[in-house]
Amino acid sequence: MLEKDFQSKLKQELKLLFIGCIVTKLDSGNIQGIPDLLILYKNKWATLECKKTITASKQPNQEYYVGLMNEMSFSRFISPENKEDVLNDLQRTFEA
């Protein structure tokens, strides 16, 4: 599966999982390495960096921004192999 296909399906799944959330694509052309998706839900937010596989290469600054944003709220690398675990963690975060 291509990353863009995974990302598209993930966006739909997030909207079903978190009714009323806003999922938007962030512009890595503006800030190089910024995660792909921003999820706004009630009074919380999260970012996700989509990868086609868990071993896919990371672009410069991606680990930095995922780590920084995880300290602020919630941020993870997500791929088909870890999607269930990441979404479970996100659900616990949004419900806290």
C-alpha atoms as a PDB file:
ATOM      1  CA  MET A   1       0.000   0.000   0.000  1.00  0.00           C
ATOM      2  CA  LEU A   2       1.271   3.452  -0.838  1.00  0.00           C
ATOM      3  CA  GLU A   3       1.659   5.964   1.983  1.00  0.00           C
ATOM      4  CA  LYS A   4      -0.936   8.296   0.439  1.00  0.00           C
ATOM      5  CA  ASP A   5      -3.484   5.442   0.312  1.00  0.00           C
ATOM      6  CA  PHE A   6      -2.779   4.506   3.933  1.00  0.00           C
ATOM      7  CA  GLN A   7      -3.083   8.159   4.950  1.00  0.00           C
ATOM      8  CA  SER A   8      -6.394   8.580   3.123  1.00  0.00           C
ATOM      9  CA  LYS A   9      -7.918   5.505   4.785  1.00  0.00           C
ATOM     10  CA  LEU A  10      -6.521   6.556   8.159  1.00  0.00           C
ATOM     11  CA  LYS A  11      -8.176   9.977   7.893  1.00  0.00           C
ATOM     12  CA  GLN A  12     -11.546   8.323   7.317  1.00  0.00           C
ATOM     13  CA  GLU A  13     -10.996   5.922  10.220  1.00  0.00           C
ATOM     14  CA  LEU A  14     -10.074   8.791  12.553  1.00  0.00           C
ATOM     15  CA  LYS A  15     -13.270  10.645  11.635  1.00  0.00           C
ATOM     16  CA  LEU A  16     -15.329   7.551  12.481  1.00  0.00           C
ATOM     17  CA  LEU A  17     -13.436   6.837  15.691  1.00  0.00           C
ATOM     18  CA  PHE A  18     -13.550  10.419  16.986  1.00  0.00           C
ATOM     19  CA  ILE A  19     -16.939  11.769  15.888  1.00  0.00           C
ATOM     20  CA  GLY A  20     -16.775  15.512  15.301  1.00  0.00           C
ATOM     21  CA  CYS A  21     -12.983  15.682  15.062  1.00  0.00           C
ATOM     22  CA  ILE A  22     -11.156  17.747  12.483  1.00  0.00           C
ATOM     23  CA  VAL A  23      -8.381  15.965  10.585  1.00  0.00           C
ATOM     24  CA  THR A  24      -6.207  18.109   8.367  1.00  0.00           C
ATOM     25  CA  LYS A  25      -3.004  17.603   6.421  1.00  0.00           C
ATOM     26  CA  LEU A  26      -0.069  19.734   7.537  1.00  0.00           C
ATOM     27  CA  ASP A  27       2.269  21.317   4.998  1.00  0.00           C
ATOM     28  CA  SER A  28       5.795  19.940   5.276  1.00  0.00           C
ATOM     29  CA  GLY A  29       6.794  22.526   2.673  1.00  0.00           C
ATOM     30  CA  ASN A  30       6.226  25.148   5.358  1.00  0.00           C
ATOM     31  CA  ILE A  31       8.075  23.355   8.181  1.00  0.00           C
ATOM     32  CA  GLN A  32      10.308  20.544   6.966  1.00  0.00           C
ATOM     33  CA  GLY A  33       9.700  17.395   9.023  1.00  0.00           C
ATOM     34  CA  ILE A  34       6.337  18.435  10.488  1.00  0.00           C
ATOM     35  CA  PRO A  35       4.000  15.414  10.918  1.00  0.00           C
ATOM     36  CA  ASP A  36       1.470  14.643   8.174  1.00  0.00           C
ATOM     37  CA  LEU A  37      -1.814  14.930  10.059  1.00  0.00           C
ATOM     38  CA  LEU A  38      -3.236  17.193  12.757  1.00  0.00           C
ATOM     39  CA  ILE A  39      -6.259  15.837  14.657  1.00  0.00           C
ATOM     40  CA  LEU A  40      -8.363  18.288  16.681  1.00  0.00           C
ATOM     41  CA  TYR A  41     -10.860  16.637  19.031  1.00  0.00           C
ATOM     42  CA  LYS A  42     -12.857  18.449  21.680  1.00  0.00           C
ATOM     43  CA  ASN A  43     -10.206  20.321  23.712  1.00  0.00           C
ATOM     44  CA  LYS A  44      -7.265  18.116  22.648  1.00  0.00           C
ATOM     45  CA  TRP A  45      -4.987  17.665  19.660  1.00  0.00           C
ATOM     46  CA  ALA A  46      -2.566  15.153  18.205  1.00  0.00           C
ATOM     47  CA  THR A  47      -0.301  14.744  15.195  1.00  0.00           C
ATOM     48  CA  LEU A  48       0.509  11.620  13.224  1.00  0.00           C
ATOM     49  CA  GLU A  49       3.352  10.980  10.798  1.00  0.00           C
ATOM     50  CA  CYS A  50       2.193   8.336   8.314  1.00  0.00           C
ATOM     51  CA  LYS A  51       4.578   5.724   6.949  1.00  0.00           C
ATOM     52  CA  LYS A  52       3.804   2.966   4.452  1.00  0.00           C
ATOM     53  CA  THR A  53       5.715   0.470   6.625  1.00  0.00           C
ATOM     54  CA  ILE A  54       7.147   0.538  10.117  1.00  0.00           C
ATOM     55  CA  THR A  55      10.662   0.376   8.625  1.00  0.00           C
ATOM     56  CA  ALA A  56      10.164   3.169   6.062  1.00  0.00           C
ATOM     57  CA  SER A  57      12.852   5.831   6.101  1.00  0.00           C
ATOM     58  CA  LYS A  58      12.274   9.067   7.960  1.00  0.00           C
ATOM     59  CA  GLN A  59      12.894  12.500   6.521  1.00  0.00           C
ATOM     60  CA  PRO A  60      15.155  15.005   8.278  1.00  0.00           C
ATOM     61  CA  ASN A  61      13.539  16.587  11.349  1.00  0.00           C
ATOM     62  CA  GLN A  62      10.598  14.134  11.499  1.00  0.00           C
ATOM     63  CA  GLU A  63      11.822  12.437  14.681  1.00  0.00           C
ATOM     64  CA  TYR A  64      12.478  15.858  16.209  1.00  0.00           C
ATOM     65  CA  TYR A  65       8.957  17.169  15.528  1.00  0.00           C
ATOM     66  CA  VAL A  66       7.195  13.928  16.500  1.00  0.00           C
ATOM     67  CA  GLY A  67       9.127  13.961  19.785  1.00  0.00           C
ATOM     68  CA  LEU A  68       8.525  17.655  20.434  1.00  0.00           C
ATOM     69  CA  MET A  69       4.807  17.437  19.703  1.00  0.00           C
ATOM     70  CA  ASN A  70       4.491  14.284  21.794  1.00  0.00           C
ATOM     71  CA  GLU A  71       5.869  16.254  24.756  1.00  0.00           C
ATOM     72  CA  MET A  72       3.242  18.954  24.089  1.00  0.00           C
ATOM     73  CA  SER A  73       0.300  16.610  23.574  1.00  0.00           C
ATOM     74  CA  PHE A  74       0.388  13.397  21.477  1.00  0.00           C
ATOM     75  CA  SER A  75       2.380  12.518  18.384  1.00  0.00           C
ATOM     76  CA  ARG A  76       3.434   9.228  16.808  1.00  0.00           C
ATOM     77  CA  PHE A  77       4.752   7.585  13.685  1.00  0.00           C
ATOM     78  CA  ILE A  78       1.936   5.390  12.352  1.00  0.00           C
ATOM     79  CA  SER A  79       1.997   2.587   9.793  1.00  0.00           C
ATOM     80  CA  PRO A  80      -0.242  -0.384   8.994  1.00  0.00           C
ATOM     81  CA  GLU A  81       1.834  -2.541  11.355  1.00  0.00           C
ATOM     82  CA  ASN A  82       1.347  -0.354  14.462  1.00  0.00           C
ATOM     83  CA  LYS A  83      -1.919   1.400  13.573  1.00  0.00           C
ATOM     84  CA  GLU A  84      -4.042  -0.464  16.112  1.00  0.00           C
ATOM     85  CA  ASP A  85      -1.645   0.276  19.000  1.00  0.00           C
ATOM     86  CA  VAL A  86      -1.282   3.952  18.043  1.00  0.00           C
ATOM     87  CA  LEU A  87      -5.046   4.444  17.714  1.00  0.00           C
ATOM     88  CA  ASN A  88      -5.595   2.747  21.083  1.00  0.00           C
ATOM     89  CA  ASP A  89      -3.044   5.104  22.670  1.00  0.00           C
ATOM     90  CA  LEU A  90      -4.678   8.072  20.946  1.00  0.00           C
ATOM     91  CA  GLN A  91      -8.106   7.017  22.164  1.00  0.00           C
ATOM     92  CA  ARG A  92      -6.849   6.803  25.768  1.00  0.00           C
ATOM     93  CA  THR A  93      -5.251  10.245  25.385  1.00  0.00           C
ATOM     94  CA  PHE A  94      -8.396  11.842  23.975  1.00  0.00           C
ATOM     95  CA  GLU A  95     -10.589  10.257  26.658  1.00  0.00           C
ATOM     96  CA  ALA A  96      -8.370  11.332  29.578  1.00  0.00           C
END
